[in-house]
Amino acid sequence: MQYFSQDYLEFFKELAANNHKDWFDLNRKRYETEVREPFKVFIGDLIKALSRDDTSLAIEPKDAIFRINRDIRFSKDKTPYKLNNSAIISSEGRKDKNHPGIYIELGPEKLAFYGGIYMPNTKQVQKLRSYFKQHSSKLNNLLEDANFKNVFGDLHGEKSKRIPGEFKESAEGQPLLMNKQWYYFTHLPPEIITANNLMETILELEQKARSMKIFLTKALYNTI
């Protein structure tokens, strides 16, 4: 099924050169018809598809989709609109950037697919490191699994310069204990956005990351 027309991508290309309210207001009807509504339908269908295997996924598209308006309060870049559509599909939706799920971004430069744990607090970082230390072999096996490794490569994230003493020795064998974020991603060409197999492509990526997502979910919520 084709969810997006070529005008979905063209709208953002033109917006990049005319990123101001006057142009957007003149093209608002086009935005609603070719961009916002198709994205809402796509995210709704994606939630339905994923909820067949994840009964905790009981959100609506409005809970997942980010606004197109940029937060410019503390930014030097005062252009008011984003140049893509994005959403977080998880049991918590866009309000929680820690619960392992899917972050998806569709724009004229790329299709971006992210997963993992992005903004854990200090207490969560401690809990995650404890879990990774105890289950280091399992984590390494997941990282070496061809389904994950060939698509996502590794777990990424900012690293700490210092970590508590209880993790220092283990970190020599498991460098991911130095992280304070743990996420994975892949970027695909924008042409896939207008292709008939967009949904199948996203679901295949989710399947390849599922074992890692389950592991990270256990690490975040289980007590040791």
N, C-alpha and C. Protein backbone atom coordinates (compact mmCIF):
# COMPACT_ATOMS: atom_id res chain seq x y z
N MET A 1 0.84 -1.20 0.00
CA MET A 1 0.00 0.00 0.00
C MET A 1 0.87 1.25 0.00
N GLN A 2 0.53 2.19 -0.84
CA GLN A 2 1.26 3.46 -0.87
C GLN A 2 0.57 4.46 0.05
N TYR A 3 1.29 4.91 1.07
CA TYR A 3 0.73 5.86 2.03
C TYR A 3 0.98 7.31 1.63
N PHE A 4 2.11 7.56 0.94
CA PHE A 4 2.52 8.93 0.67
C PHE A 4 2.74 9.15 -0.82
N SER A 5 2.26 10.29 -1.31
CA SER A 5 2.52 10.69 -2.68
C SER A 5 3.88 11.39 -2.77
N GLN A 6 4.33 11.64 -3.97
CA GLN A 6 5.59 12.37 -4.15
C GLN A 6 5.50 13.77 -3.58
N ASP A 7 4.27 14.32 -3.52
CA ASP A 7 4.12 15.67 -3.00
C ASP A 7 4.41 15.74 -1.51
N TYR A 8 4.35 14.61 -0.81
CA TYR A 8 4.75 14.59 0.60
C TYR A 8 6.20 15.06 0.72
N LEU A 9 7.07 14.51 -0.11
CA LEU A 9 8.49 14.88 -0.06
C LEU A 9 8.71 16.27 -0.64
N GLU A 10 7.97 16.61 -1.72
CA GLU A 10 8.12 17.91 -2.35
C GLU A 10 7.72 19.04 -1.40
N PHE A 11 6.70 18.79 -0.59
CA PHE A 11 6.27 19.81 0.36
C PHE A 11 7.42 20.21 1.28
N PHE A 12 8.12 19.24 1.83
CA PHE A 12 9.22 19.55 2.75
C PHE A 12 10.40 20.18 2.02
N LYS A 13 10.64 19.79 0.77
CA LYS A 13 11.71 20.41 0.00
C LYS A 13 11.42 21.90 -0.23
N GLU A 14 10.19 22.21 -0.54
CA GLU A 14 9.81 23.60 -0.75
C GLU A 14 9.79 24.37 0.57
N LEU A 15 9.37 23.69 1.63
CA LEU A 15 9.37 24.32 2.95
C LEU A 15 10.78 24.71 3.37
N ALA A 16 11.76 23.89 3.01
CA ALA A 16 13.15 24.19 3.37
C ALA A 16 13.60 25.54 2.81
N ALA A 17 13.08 25.89 1.65
CA ALA A 17 13.44 27.17 1.02
C ALA A 17 12.50 28.30 1.40
N ASN A 18 11.41 27.97 2.10
CA ASN A 18 10.39 28.98 2.45
C ASN A 18 9.90 28.74 3.87
N ASN A 19 10.83 28.59 4.80
CA ASN A 19 10.46 28.20 6.15
C ASN A 19 10.01 29.40 6.97
N HIS A 20 8.79 29.86 6.67
CA HIS A 20 8.20 30.97 7.40
C HIS A 20 6.68 30.82 7.37
N LYS A 21 6.01 31.51 8.26
CA LYS A 21 4.58 31.33 8.48
C LYS A 21 3.75 31.71 7.26
N ASP A 22 4.14 32.76 6.55
CA ASP A 22 3.35 33.20 5.40
C ASP A 22 3.25 32.09 4.35
N TRP A 23 4.40 31.47 4.03
CA TRP A 23 4.37 30.39 3.03
C TRP A 23 3.58 29.20 3.55
N PHE A 24 3.78 28.87 4.82
CA PHE A 24 3.07 27.72 5.38
C PHE A 24 1.57 27.95 5.37
N ASP A 25 1.14 29.16 5.71
CA ASP A 25 -0.30 29.45 5.70
C ASP A 25 -0.89 29.32 4.30
N LEU A 26 -0.14 29.75 3.29
CA LEU A 26 -0.60 29.62 1.92
C LEU A 26 -0.69 28.17 1.48
N ASN A 27 0.12 27.31 2.09
CA ASN A 27 0.17 25.89 1.72
C ASN A 27 -0.42 24.98 2.79
N ARG A 28 -1.18 25.55 3.71
CA ARG A 28 -1.71 24.78 4.83
C ARG A 28 -2.63 23.65 4.37
N LYS A 29 -3.49 23.92 3.41
CA LYS A 29 -4.41 22.89 2.91
C LYS A 29 -3.62 21.74 2.30
N ARG A 30 -2.60 22.08 1.55
CA ARG A 30 -1.71 21.06 0.95
C ARG A 30 -1.03 20.25 2.05
N TYR A 31 -0.56 20.93 3.09
CA TYR A 31 0.07 20.24 4.22
C TYR A 31 -0.90 19.26 4.86
N GLU A 32 -2.11 19.70 5.12
CA GLU A 32 -3.09 18.83 5.77
C GLU A 32 -3.45 17.63 4.91
N THR A 33 -3.55 17.82 3.61
CA THR A 33 -3.99 16.76 2.70
C THR A 33 -2.87 15.78 2.35
N GLU A 34 -1.68 16.32 2.04
CA GLU A 34 -0.59 15.50 1.52
C GLU A 34 0.43 15.07 2.57
N VAL A 35 0.43 15.73 3.72
CA VAL A 35 1.47 15.46 4.72
C VAL A 35 0.88 14.97 6.04
N ARG A 36 0.10 15.81 6.69
CA ARG A 36 -0.37 15.48 8.04
C ARG A 36 -1.30 14.28 8.07
N GLU A 37 -2.32 14.27 7.22
CA GLU A 37 -3.31 13.19 7.27
C GLU A 37 -2.72 11.84 6.84
N PRO A 38 -1.94 11.76 5.75
CA PRO A 38 -1.32 10.48 5.40
C PRO A 38 -0.39 9.95 6.49
N PHE A 39 0.34 10.86 7.16
CA PHE A 39 1.23 10.42 8.24
C PHE A 39 0.42 9.88 9.41
N LYS A 40 -0.69 10.53 9.72
CA LYS A 40 -1.56 10.06 10.80
C LYS A 40 -2.11 8.67 10.49
N VAL A 41 -2.53 8.45 9.24
CA VAL A 41 -3.04 7.13 8.84
C VAL A 41 -1.94 6.09 8.92
N PHE A 42 -0.76 6.43 8.44
CA PHE A 42 0.35 5.48 8.47
C PHE A 42 0.72 5.09 9.90
N ILE A 43 0.85 6.07 10.78
CA ILE A 43 1.21 5.78 12.17
C ILE A 43 0.11 4.96 12.83
N GLY A 44 -1.14 5.26 12.54
CA GLY A 44 -2.25 4.46 13.08
C GLY A 44 -2.16 3.02 12.66
N ASP A 45 -1.88 2.77 11.38
CA ASP A 45 -1.75 1.40 10.88
C ASP A 45 -0.52 0.71 11.46
N LEU A 46 0.56 1.47 11.66
CA LEU A 46 1.77 0.90 12.25
C LEU A 46 1.52 0.49 13.70
N ILE A 47 0.82 1.32 14.44
CA ILE A 47 0.47 0.97 15.83
C ILE A 47 -0.35 -0.31 15.86
N LYS A 48 -1.34 -0.42 14.98
CA LYS A 48 -2.18 -1.61 14.93
C LYS A 48 -1.35 -2.85 14.62
N ALA A 49 -0.45 -2.73 13.66
CA ALA A 49 0.38 -3.88 13.27
C ALA A 49 1.29 -4.32 14.41
N LEU A 50 1.90 -3.36 15.09
CA LEU A 50 2.82 -3.70 16.17
C LEU A 50 2.09 -4.21 17.41
N SER A 51 0.86 -3.74 17.62
CA SER A 51 0.10 -4.14 18.82
C SER A 51 -0.33 -5.61 18.77
N ARG A 52 -0.24 -6.24 17.61
CA ARG A 52 -0.57 -7.67 17.53
C ARG A 52 0.41 -8.50 18.34
N ASP A 53 1.64 -8.02 18.44
CA ASP A 53 2.66 -8.73 19.23
C ASP A 53 2.98 -8.04 20.55
N ASP A 54 2.48 -6.83 20.72
CA ASP A 54 2.77 -6.06 21.94
C ASP A 54 1.46 -5.50 22.49
N THR A 55 0.89 -6.21 23.44
CA THR A 55 -0.42 -5.82 23.97
C THR A 55 -0.36 -4.55 24.82
N SER A 56 0.85 -4.10 25.20
CA SER A 56 0.98 -2.86 25.96
C SER A 56 0.85 -1.63 25.07
N LEU A 57 0.86 -1.84 23.77
CA LEU A 57 0.81 -0.73 22.82
C LEU A 57 -0.65 -0.35 22.57
N ALA A 58 -1.16 0.56 23.38
CA ALA A 58 -2.57 0.95 23.30
C ALA A 58 -2.71 2.46 23.14
N ILE A 59 -1.86 3.05 22.32
CA ILE A 59 -1.89 4.50 22.12
C ILE A 59 -2.57 4.83 20.80
N GLU A 60 -2.93 6.09 20.64
CA GLU A 60 -3.49 6.62 19.41
C GLU A 60 -2.41 7.39 18.66
N PRO A 61 -2.58 7.63 17.35
CA PRO A 61 -1.58 8.41 16.61
C PRO A 61 -1.25 9.74 17.26
N LYS A 62 -2.23 10.42 17.84
CA LYS A 62 -1.98 11.72 18.47
C LYS A 62 -1.02 11.61 19.65
N ASP A 63 -0.96 10.42 20.27
CA ASP A 63 -0.04 10.21 21.39
C ASP A 63 1.39 10.00 20.91
N ALA A 64 1.55 9.64 19.64
CA ALA A 64 2.86 9.28 19.10
C ALA A 64 3.50 10.38 18.26
N ILE A 65 2.67 11.17 17.57
CA ILE A 65 3.18 12.10 16.56
C ILE A 65 3.63 13.42 17.17
N PHE A 66 4.82 13.86 16.76
CA PHE A 66 5.32 15.16 17.19
C PHE A 66 4.74 16.27 16.30
N ARG A 67 4.63 17.46 16.86
CA ARG A 67 4.17 18.61 16.10
C ARG A 67 5.21 18.99 15.05
N ILE A 68 4.76 19.62 13.97
CA ILE A 68 5.68 20.09 12.95
C ILE A 68 6.38 21.38 13.40
N ASN A 69 5.80 22.07 14.36
CA ASN A 69 6.40 23.30 14.86
C ASN A 69 7.65 23.00 15.68
N ARG A 70 8.72 23.74 15.40
CA ARG A 70 9.95 23.59 16.16
C ARG A 70 9.88 24.38 17.46
N ASP A 71 10.57 23.91 18.49
CA ASP A 71 10.73 24.65 19.72
C ASP A 71 11.95 25.56 19.55
N ILE A 72 11.70 26.85 19.33
CA ILE A 72 12.78 27.78 18.99
C ILE A 72 13.17 28.67 20.18
N ARG A 73 12.65 28.38 21.35
CA ARG A 73 12.88 29.25 22.50
C ARG A 73 14.36 29.43 22.82
N PHE A 74 15.13 28.34 22.74
CA PHE A 74 16.54 28.40 23.12
C PHE A 74 17.46 28.09 21.94
N SER A 75 16.95 28.24 20.74
CA SER A 75 17.71 27.89 19.54
C SER A 75 18.10 29.14 18.76
N LYS A 76 19.30 29.12 18.22
CA LYS A 76 19.73 30.21 17.33
C LYS A 76 18.99 30.14 16.00
N ASP A 77 18.60 28.93 15.61
CA ASP A 77 17.83 28.74 14.38
C ASP A 77 16.36 29.03 14.68
N LYS A 78 15.85 30.12 14.14
CA LYS A 78 14.48 30.54 14.43
C LYS A 78 13.47 30.13 13.36
N THR A 79 13.87 29.27 12.43
CA THR A 79 12.89 28.78 11.46
C THR A 79 11.82 27.99 12.20
N PRO A 80 10.55 28.26 11.90
CA PRO A 80 9.48 27.75 12.78
C PRO A 80 9.07 26.29 12.55
N TYR A 81 9.44 25.68 11.41
CA TYR A 81 8.89 24.37 11.09
C TYR A 81 9.98 23.32 10.87
N LYS A 82 9.68 22.09 11.30
CA LYS A 82 10.56 20.95 11.03
C LYS A 82 10.44 20.55 9.56
N LEU A 83 11.47 19.90 9.06
CA LEU A 83 11.49 19.49 7.65
C LEU A 83 11.25 17.99 7.51
N ASN A 84 10.47 17.44 8.44
CA ASN A 84 10.09 16.04 8.39
C ASN A 84 8.92 15.82 9.34
N ASN A 85 8.34 14.65 9.28
CA ASN A 85 7.36 14.20 10.26
C ASN A 85 8.02 13.14 11.12
N SER A 86 7.68 13.11 12.41
CA SER A 86 8.29 12.12 13.29
C SER A 86 7.29 11.66 14.34
N ALA A 87 7.57 10.48 14.91
CA ALA A 87 6.70 9.91 15.93
C ALA A 87 7.47 8.89 16.74
N ILE A 88 7.04 8.69 17.99
CA ILE A 88 7.54 7.61 18.83
C ILE A 88 6.40 6.62 19.03
N ILE A 89 6.63 5.37 18.63
CA ILE A 89 5.63 4.32 18.82
C ILE A 89 6.10 3.41 19.93
N SER A 90 5.51 3.59 21.09
CA SER A 90 5.78 2.76 22.25
C SER A 90 4.56 2.86 23.16
N SER A 91 4.56 2.12 24.25
CA SER A 91 3.42 2.17 25.16
C SER A 91 3.26 3.54 25.79
N GLU A 92 4.34 4.33 25.81
CA GLU A 92 4.29 5.67 26.41
C GLU A 92 4.18 6.78 25.38
N GLY A 93 4.40 6.45 24.10
CA GLY A 93 4.32 7.47 23.06
C GLY A 93 5.43 8.50 23.15
N ARG A 94 5.19 9.68 22.56
CA ARG A 94 6.22 10.71 22.45
C ARG A 94 6.58 11.37 23.78
N LYS A 95 5.81 11.11 24.83
CA LYS A 95 6.08 11.74 26.12
C LYS A 95 7.24 11.08 26.87
N ASP A 96 7.65 9.89 26.43
CA ASP A 96 8.71 9.17 27.13
C ASP A 96 9.77 8.72 26.13
N LYS A 97 10.96 9.32 26.22
CA LYS A 97 12.04 9.00 25.29
C LYS A 97 12.93 7.88 25.81
N ASN A 98 12.51 7.22 26.88
CA ASN A 98 13.31 6.15 27.46
C ASN A 98 12.72 4.77 27.18
N HIS A 99 11.40 4.66 27.19
CA HIS A 99 10.79 3.35 26.99
C HIS A 99 11.16 2.82 25.62
N PRO A 100 11.79 1.65 25.54
CA PRO A 100 12.22 1.12 24.25
C PRO A 100 11.03 0.92 23.30
N GLY A 101 11.11 1.54 22.16
CA GLY A 101 10.07 1.44 21.14
C GLY A 101 10.68 1.78 19.80
N ILE A 102 9.94 2.53 18.99
CA ILE A 102 10.43 2.97 17.69
C ILE A 102 10.30 4.49 17.60
N TYR A 103 11.36 5.15 17.18
CA TYR A 103 11.28 6.54 16.76
C TYR A 103 11.45 6.53 15.25
N ILE A 104 10.51 7.12 14.54
CA ILE A 104 10.55 7.12 13.08
C ILE A 104 10.47 8.55 12.58
N GLU A 105 11.24 8.81 11.53
CA GLU A 105 11.32 10.16 10.96
C GLU A 105 11.26 10.03 9.45
N LEU A 106 10.29 10.69 8.82
CA LEU A 106 10.12 10.61 7.37
C LEU A 106 10.27 11.99 6.76
N GLY A 107 11.31 12.18 5.96
CA GLY A 107 11.55 13.45 5.31
C GLY A 107 12.26 13.26 3.99
N PRO A 108 12.50 14.34 3.24
CA PRO A 108 13.09 14.22 1.90
C PRO A 108 14.56 13.83 1.90
N GLU A 109 15.23 13.88 3.05
CA GLU A 109 16.63 13.47 3.12
C GLU A 109 16.80 12.00 3.44
N LYS A 110 15.86 11.46 4.23
CA LYS A 110 16.00 10.06 4.65
C LYS A 110 14.75 9.57 5.35
N LEU A 111 14.69 8.24 5.46
CA LEU A 111 13.80 7.58 6.41
C LEU A 111 14.69 7.14 7.55
N ALA A 112 14.42 7.64 8.75
CA ALA A 112 15.22 7.29 9.92
C ALA A 112 14.42 6.40 10.85
N PHE A 113 15.06 5.33 11.30
CA PHE A 113 14.45 4.37 12.23
C PHE A 113 15.38 4.24 13.43
N TYR A 114 14.87 4.56 14.63
CA TYR A 114 15.66 4.50 15.85
C TYR A 114 14.94 3.65 16.89
N GLY A 115 15.73 3.09 17.81
CA GLY A 115 15.18 2.37 18.95
C GLY A 115 16.17 2.43 20.10
N GLY A 116 15.72 2.00 21.29
CA GLY A 116 16.62 1.96 22.43
C GLY A 116 16.20 2.90 23.54
N ILE A 117 17.18 3.33 24.32
CA ILE A 117 16.95 4.18 25.50
C ILE A 117 17.78 5.44 25.33
N TYR A 118 17.09 6.58 25.24
CA TYR A 118 17.77 7.80 24.80
C TYR A 118 18.09 8.79 25.92
N MET A 119 17.19 8.95 26.90
CA MET A 119 17.40 9.97 27.93
C MET A 119 17.16 9.43 29.34
N PRO A 120 17.87 8.38 29.75
CA PRO A 120 17.65 7.84 31.10
C PRO A 120 18.17 8.80 32.17
N ASN A 121 17.49 8.81 33.31
CA ASN A 121 17.97 9.62 34.42
C ASN A 121 19.07 8.85 35.16
N THR A 122 19.66 9.49 36.15
CA THR A 122 20.81 8.91 36.86
C THR A 122 20.45 7.56 37.49
N LYS A 123 19.28 7.47 38.08
CA LYS A 123 18.85 6.23 38.72
C LYS A 123 18.69 5.11 37.69
N GLN A 124 18.14 5.46 36.54
CA GLN A 124 17.95 4.47 35.47
C GLN A 124 19.28 4.02 34.89
N VAL A 125 20.20 4.94 34.73
CA VAL A 125 21.54 4.58 34.22
C VAL A 125 22.20 3.57 35.15
N GLN A 126 22.10 3.79 36.45
CA GLN A 126 22.66 2.86 37.43
C GLN A 126 22.02 1.48 37.29
N LYS A 127 20.71 1.47 37.15
CA LYS A 127 19.97 0.21 37.02
C LYS A 127 20.34 -0.52 35.74
N LEU A 128 20.46 0.22 34.65
CA LEU A 128 20.81 -0.37 33.36
C LEU A 128 22.22 -0.95 33.40
N ARG A 129 23.16 -0.22 33.96
CA ARG A 129 24.53 -0.73 34.05
C ARG A 129 24.60 -2.00 34.87
N SER A 130 23.83 -2.05 35.95
CA SER A 130 23.81 -3.25 36.78
C SER A 130 23.29 -4.45 35.99
N TYR A 131 22.26 -4.22 35.21
CA TYR A 131 21.69 -5.30 34.40
C TYR A 131 22.66 -5.74 33.32
N PHE A 132 23.30 -4.78 32.65
CA PHE A 132 24.25 -5.11 31.59
C PHE A 132 25.46 -5.85 32.15
N LYS A 133 25.89 -5.46 33.34
CA LYS A 133 27.02 -6.14 33.97
C LYS A 133 26.67 -7.61 34.24
N GLN A 134 25.47 -7.84 34.75
CA GLN A 134 25.07 -9.21 35.08
C GLN A 134 24.75 -10.04 33.85
N HIS A 135 24.33 -9.38 32.76
CA HIS A 135 23.92 -10.09 31.55
C HIS A 135 24.78 -9.71 30.35
N SER A 136 26.07 -9.52 30.61
CA SER A 136 26.99 -9.07 29.56
C SER A 136 27.07 -10.06 28.39
N SER A 137 27.08 -11.35 28.68
CA SER A 137 27.17 -12.36 27.61
C SER A 137 25.94 -12.31 26.71
N LYS A 138 24.76 -12.16 27.33
CA LYS A 138 23.52 -12.06 26.56
C LYS A 138 23.55 -10.82 25.68
N LEU A 139 24.00 -9.70 26.23
CA LEU A 139 24.09 -8.47 25.45
C LEU A 139 25.03 -8.64 24.27
N ASN A 140 26.18 -9.27 24.49
CA ASN A 140 27.14 -9.50 23.40
C ASN A 140 26.55 -10.39 22.31
N ASN A 141 25.80 -11.41 22.72
CA ASN A 141 25.16 -12.30 21.74
C ASN A 141 24.16 -11.54 20.88
N LEU A 142 23.41 -10.65 21.50
CA LEU A 142 22.44 -9.86 20.74
C LEU A 142 23.14 -8.91 19.77
N LEU A 143 24.25 -8.33 20.20
CA LEU A 143 25.01 -7.42 19.34
C LEU A 143 25.62 -8.15 18.15
N GLU A 144 25.96 -9.42 18.34
CA GLU A 144 26.58 -10.20 17.27
C GLU A 144 25.57 -10.91 16.38
N ASP A 145 24.31 -10.91 16.78
CA ASP A 145 23.28 -11.53 15.96
C ASP A 145 23.20 -10.83 14.60
N ALA A 146 23.26 -11.60 13.53
CA ALA A 146 23.33 -11.02 12.18
C ALA A 146 22.14 -10.13 11.87
N ASN A 147 20.95 -10.51 12.33
CA ASN A 147 19.77 -9.71 12.07
C ASN A 147 19.93 -8.28 12.60
N PHE A 148 20.53 -8.17 13.77
CA PHE A 148 20.74 -6.84 14.36
C PHE A 148 21.99 -6.18 13.79
N LYS A 149 23.09 -6.89 13.82
CA LYS A 149 24.38 -6.30 13.47
C LYS A 149 24.43 -5.79 12.04
N ASN A 150 23.87 -6.54 11.09
CA ASN A 150 23.94 -6.15 9.68
C ASN A 150 23.10 -4.92 9.35
N VAL A 151 22.14 -4.62 10.20
CA VAL A 151 21.27 -3.47 9.96
C VAL A 151 21.64 -2.28 10.84
N PHE A 152 21.87 -2.53 12.13
CA PHE A 152 22.06 -1.44 13.08
C PHE A 152 23.51 -1.27 13.55
N GLY A 153 24.29 -2.31 13.41
CA GLY A 153 25.71 -2.21 13.72
C GLY A 153 26.04 -2.37 15.20
N ASP A 154 25.53 -1.48 16.05
CA ASP A 154 25.95 -1.47 17.45
C ASP A 154 24.94 -0.67 18.26
N LEU A 155 25.14 -0.60 19.56
CA LEU A 155 24.43 0.33 20.41
C LEU A 155 25.26 1.61 20.52
N HIS A 156 24.62 2.74 20.36
CA HIS A 156 25.32 4.02 20.37
C HIS A 156 24.91 4.82 21.60
N GLY A 157 25.60 5.93 21.82
CA GLY A 157 25.23 6.81 22.91
C GLY A 157 26.43 7.52 23.51
N GLU A 158 26.15 8.64 24.16
CA GLU A 158 27.19 9.40 24.84
C GLU A 158 27.79 8.58 25.98
N LYS A 159 29.10 8.71 26.16
CA LYS A 159 29.79 7.94 27.19
C LYS A 159 30.19 8.83 28.37
N SER A 160 30.24 8.24 29.54
CA SER A 160 30.69 8.94 30.74
C SER A 160 32.22 8.89 30.82
N LYS A 161 32.81 9.95 31.32
CA LYS A 161 34.25 9.94 31.55
C LYS A 161 34.61 9.12 32.79
N ARG A 162 33.69 9.12 33.75
CA ARG A 162 33.89 8.34 34.98
C ARG A 162 32.62 7.55 35.27
N ILE A 163 32.81 6.37 35.83
CA ILE A 163 31.67 5.55 36.25
C ILE A 163 31.93 5.05 37.67
N PRO A 164 30.89 4.69 38.39
CA PRO A 164 31.08 4.18 39.77
C PRO A 164 32.04 3.01 39.81
N GLY A 165 32.77 2.90 40.89
CA GLY A 165 33.80 1.88 41.03
C GLY A 165 33.32 0.47 40.82
N GLU A 166 32.06 0.20 41.16
CA GLU A 166 31.54 -1.16 41.04
C GLU A 166 31.48 -1.65 39.59
N PHE A 167 31.58 -0.70 38.62
CA PHE A 167 31.49 -1.08 37.21
C PHE A 167 32.84 -1.00 36.48
N LYS A 168 33.85 -0.42 37.11
CA LYS A 168 35.09 -0.14 36.39
C LYS A 168 35.76 -1.39 35.84
N GLU A 169 35.87 -2.41 36.65
CA GLU A 169 36.53 -3.64 36.20
C GLU A 169 35.73 -4.30 35.08
N SER A 170 34.42 -4.36 35.24
CA SER A 170 33.56 -4.99 34.23
C SER A 170 33.58 -4.21 32.92
N ALA A 171 33.76 -2.88 33.00
CA ALA A 171 33.75 -2.05 31.80
C ALA A 171 34.91 -2.34 30.87
N GLU A 172 35.98 -2.93 31.42
CA GLU A 172 37.11 -3.29 30.57
C GLU A 172 36.71 -4.37 29.56
N GLY A 173 35.81 -5.24 29.97
CA GLY A 173 35.33 -6.29 29.07
C GLY A 173 34.02 -5.95 28.40
N GLN A 174 33.28 -5.00 28.97
CA GLN A 174 32.00 -4.60 28.40
C GLN A 174 31.97 -3.06 28.32
N PRO A 175 32.51 -2.50 27.23
CA PRO A 175 32.62 -1.04 27.11
C PRO A 175 31.27 -0.31 27.17
N LEU A 176 30.18 -1.00 26.88
CA LEU A 176 28.88 -0.33 26.91
C LEU A 176 28.47 0.10 28.32
N LEU A 177 29.18 -0.39 29.34
CA LEU A 177 28.92 0.09 30.69
C LEU A 177 29.33 1.56 30.85
N MET A 178 30.17 2.06 29.97
CA MET A 178 30.58 3.46 30.01
C MET A 178 29.51 4.38 29.45
N ASN A 179 28.56 3.82 28.71
CA ASN A 179 27.53 4.65 28.10
C ASN A 179 26.56 5.22 29.13
N LYS A 180 25.92 6.32 28.76
CA LYS A 180 24.76 6.82 29.52
C LYS A 180 23.55 6.97 28.60
N GLN A 181 23.68 6.45 27.39
CA GLN A 181 22.58 6.26 26.44
C GLN A 181 22.84 4.94 25.73
N TRP A 182 21.76 4.29 25.30
CA TRP A 182 21.91 3.04 24.56
C TRP A 182 20.84 3.00 23.47
N TYR A 183 21.22 3.37 22.24
CA TYR A 183 20.24 3.39 21.16
C TYR A 183 20.87 2.84 19.88
N TYR A 184 20.02 2.43 18.96
CA TYR A 184 20.44 1.91 17.66
C TYR A 184 19.62 2.60 16.58
N PHE A 185 20.16 2.61 15.37
CA PHE A 185 19.43 3.28 14.30
C PHE A 185 19.91 2.82 12.93
N THR A 186 19.09 3.12 11.94
CA THR A 186 19.49 2.95 10.55
C THR A 186 18.77 4.01 9.74
N HIS A 187 19.39 4.45 8.66
CA HIS A 187 18.80 5.41 7.74
C HIS A 187 18.61 4.75 6.38
N LEU A 188 17.46 4.97 5.76
CA LEU A 188 17.16 4.43 4.44
C LEU A 188 16.91 5.57 3.46
N PRO A 189 17.07 5.33 2.17
CA PRO A 189 16.82 6.38 1.18
C PRO A 189 15.37 6.87 1.23
N PRO A 190 15.13 8.16 0.95
CA PRO A 190 13.78 8.70 1.05
C PRO A 190 12.79 8.08 0.06
N GLU A 191 13.31 7.46 -0.99
CA GLU A 191 12.42 6.87 -1.98
C GLU A 191 11.51 5.79 -1.38
N ILE A 192 11.95 5.15 -0.30
CA ILE A 192 11.15 4.09 0.30
C ILE A 192 9.86 4.66 0.90
N ILE A 193 9.85 5.97 1.21
CA ILE A 193 8.68 6.59 1.84
C ILE A 193 7.47 6.56 0.91
N THR A 194 7.70 6.70 -0.38
CA THR A 194 6.59 6.70 -1.33
C THR A 194 6.38 5.32 -1.98
N ALA A 195 7.13 4.33 -1.53
CA ALA A 195 7.01 3.00 -2.12
C ALA A 195 5.83 2.23 -1.53
N ASN A 196 5.38 1.22 -2.25
CA ASN A 196 4.24 0.42 -1.80
C ASN A 196 4.57 -0.47 -0.61
N ASN A 197 5.86 -0.74 -0.40
CA ASN A 197 6.25 -1.66 0.68
C ASN A 197 6.81 -0.93 1.90
N LEU A 198 6.43 0.32 2.10
CA LEU A 198 6.92 1.09 3.25
C LEU A 198 6.59 0.39 4.56
N MET A 199 5.35 -0.01 4.75
CA MET A 199 4.95 -0.65 6.00
C MET A 199 5.73 -1.94 6.22
N GLU A 200 5.87 -2.75 5.19
CA GLU A 200 6.61 -4.00 5.32
C GLU A 200 8.06 -3.74 5.69
N THR A 201 8.64 -2.67 5.14
CA THR A 201 10.03 -2.33 5.44
C THR A 201 10.20 -1.97 6.91
N ILE A 202 9.29 -1.15 7.44
CA ILE A 202 9.36 -0.74 8.85
C ILE A 202 9.17 -1.95 9.77
N LEU A 203 8.21 -2.80 9.44
CA LEU A 203 7.95 -3.97 10.28
C LEU A 203 9.13 -4.95 10.24
N GLU A 204 9.81 -5.04 9.11
CA GLU A 204 11.00 -5.90 9.03
C GLU A 204 12.12 -5.35 9.90
N LEU A 205 12.31 -4.03 9.90
CA LEU A 205 13.32 -3.42 10.77
C LEU A 205 12.99 -3.68 12.24
N GLU A 206 11.70 -3.53 12.58
CA GLU A 206 11.29 -3.77 13.96
C GLU A 206 11.54 -5.21 14.37
N GLN A 207 11.31 -6.13 13.46
CA GLN A 207 11.53 -7.55 13.75
C GLN A 207 13.02 -7.82 14.00
N LYS A 208 13.88 -7.20 13.22
CA LYS A 208 15.32 -7.41 13.37
C LYS A 208 15.85 -6.82 14.68
N ALA A 209 15.14 -5.82 15.20
CA ALA A 209 15.56 -5.18 16.45
C ALA A 209 14.80 -5.71 17.66
N ARG A 210 13.84 -6.61 17.46
CA ARG A 210 12.93 -6.97 18.54
C ARG A 210 13.63 -7.59 19.74
N SER A 211 14.56 -8.50 19.50
CA SER A 211 15.24 -9.16 20.63
C SER A 211 16.02 -8.15 21.47
N MET A 212 16.64 -7.19 20.80
CA MET A 212 17.36 -6.14 21.53
C MET A 212 16.37 -5.25 22.29
N LYS A 213 15.25 -4.95 21.69
CA LYS A 213 14.24 -4.12 22.35
C LYS A 213 13.72 -4.80 23.61
N ILE A 214 13.48 -6.09 23.53
CA ILE A 214 13.00 -6.85 24.69
C ILE A 214 14.06 -6.85 25.80
N PHE A 215 15.32 -7.04 25.41
CA PHE A 215 16.41 -7.04 26.39
C PHE A 215 16.50 -5.68 27.09
N LEU A 216 16.44 -4.59 26.34
CA LEU A 216 16.55 -3.26 26.92
C LEU A 216 15.35 -2.94 27.80
N THR A 217 14.19 -3.44 27.42
CA THR A 217 12.99 -3.23 28.24
C THR A 217 13.14 -3.94 29.58
N LYS A 218 13.63 -5.18 29.56
CA LYS A 218 13.89 -5.90 30.81
C LYS A 218 14.93 -5.18 31.66
N ALA A 219 15.96 -4.67 31.02
CA ALA A 219 17.02 -3.96 31.76
C ALA A 219 16.48 -2.71 32.43
N LEU A 220 15.55 -2.03 31.78
CA LEU A 220 15.02 -0.78 32.31
C LEU A 220 14.04 -1.00 33.45
N TYR A 221 13.28 -2.09 33.40
CA TYR A 221 12.19 -2.26 34.35
C TYR A 221 12.39 -3.38 35.37
N ASN A 222 13.21 -4.37 35.04
CA ASN A 222 13.39 -5.48 35.99
C ASN A 222 14.31 -5.08 37.13
N THR A 223 14.04 -5.62 38.28
CA THR A 223 14.97 -5.46 39.40
C THR A 223 15.91 -6.65 39.43
N ILE A 224 17.11 -6.42 39.90
CA ILE A 224 18.11 -7.49 39.94
C ILE A 224 18.28 -8.01 41.35
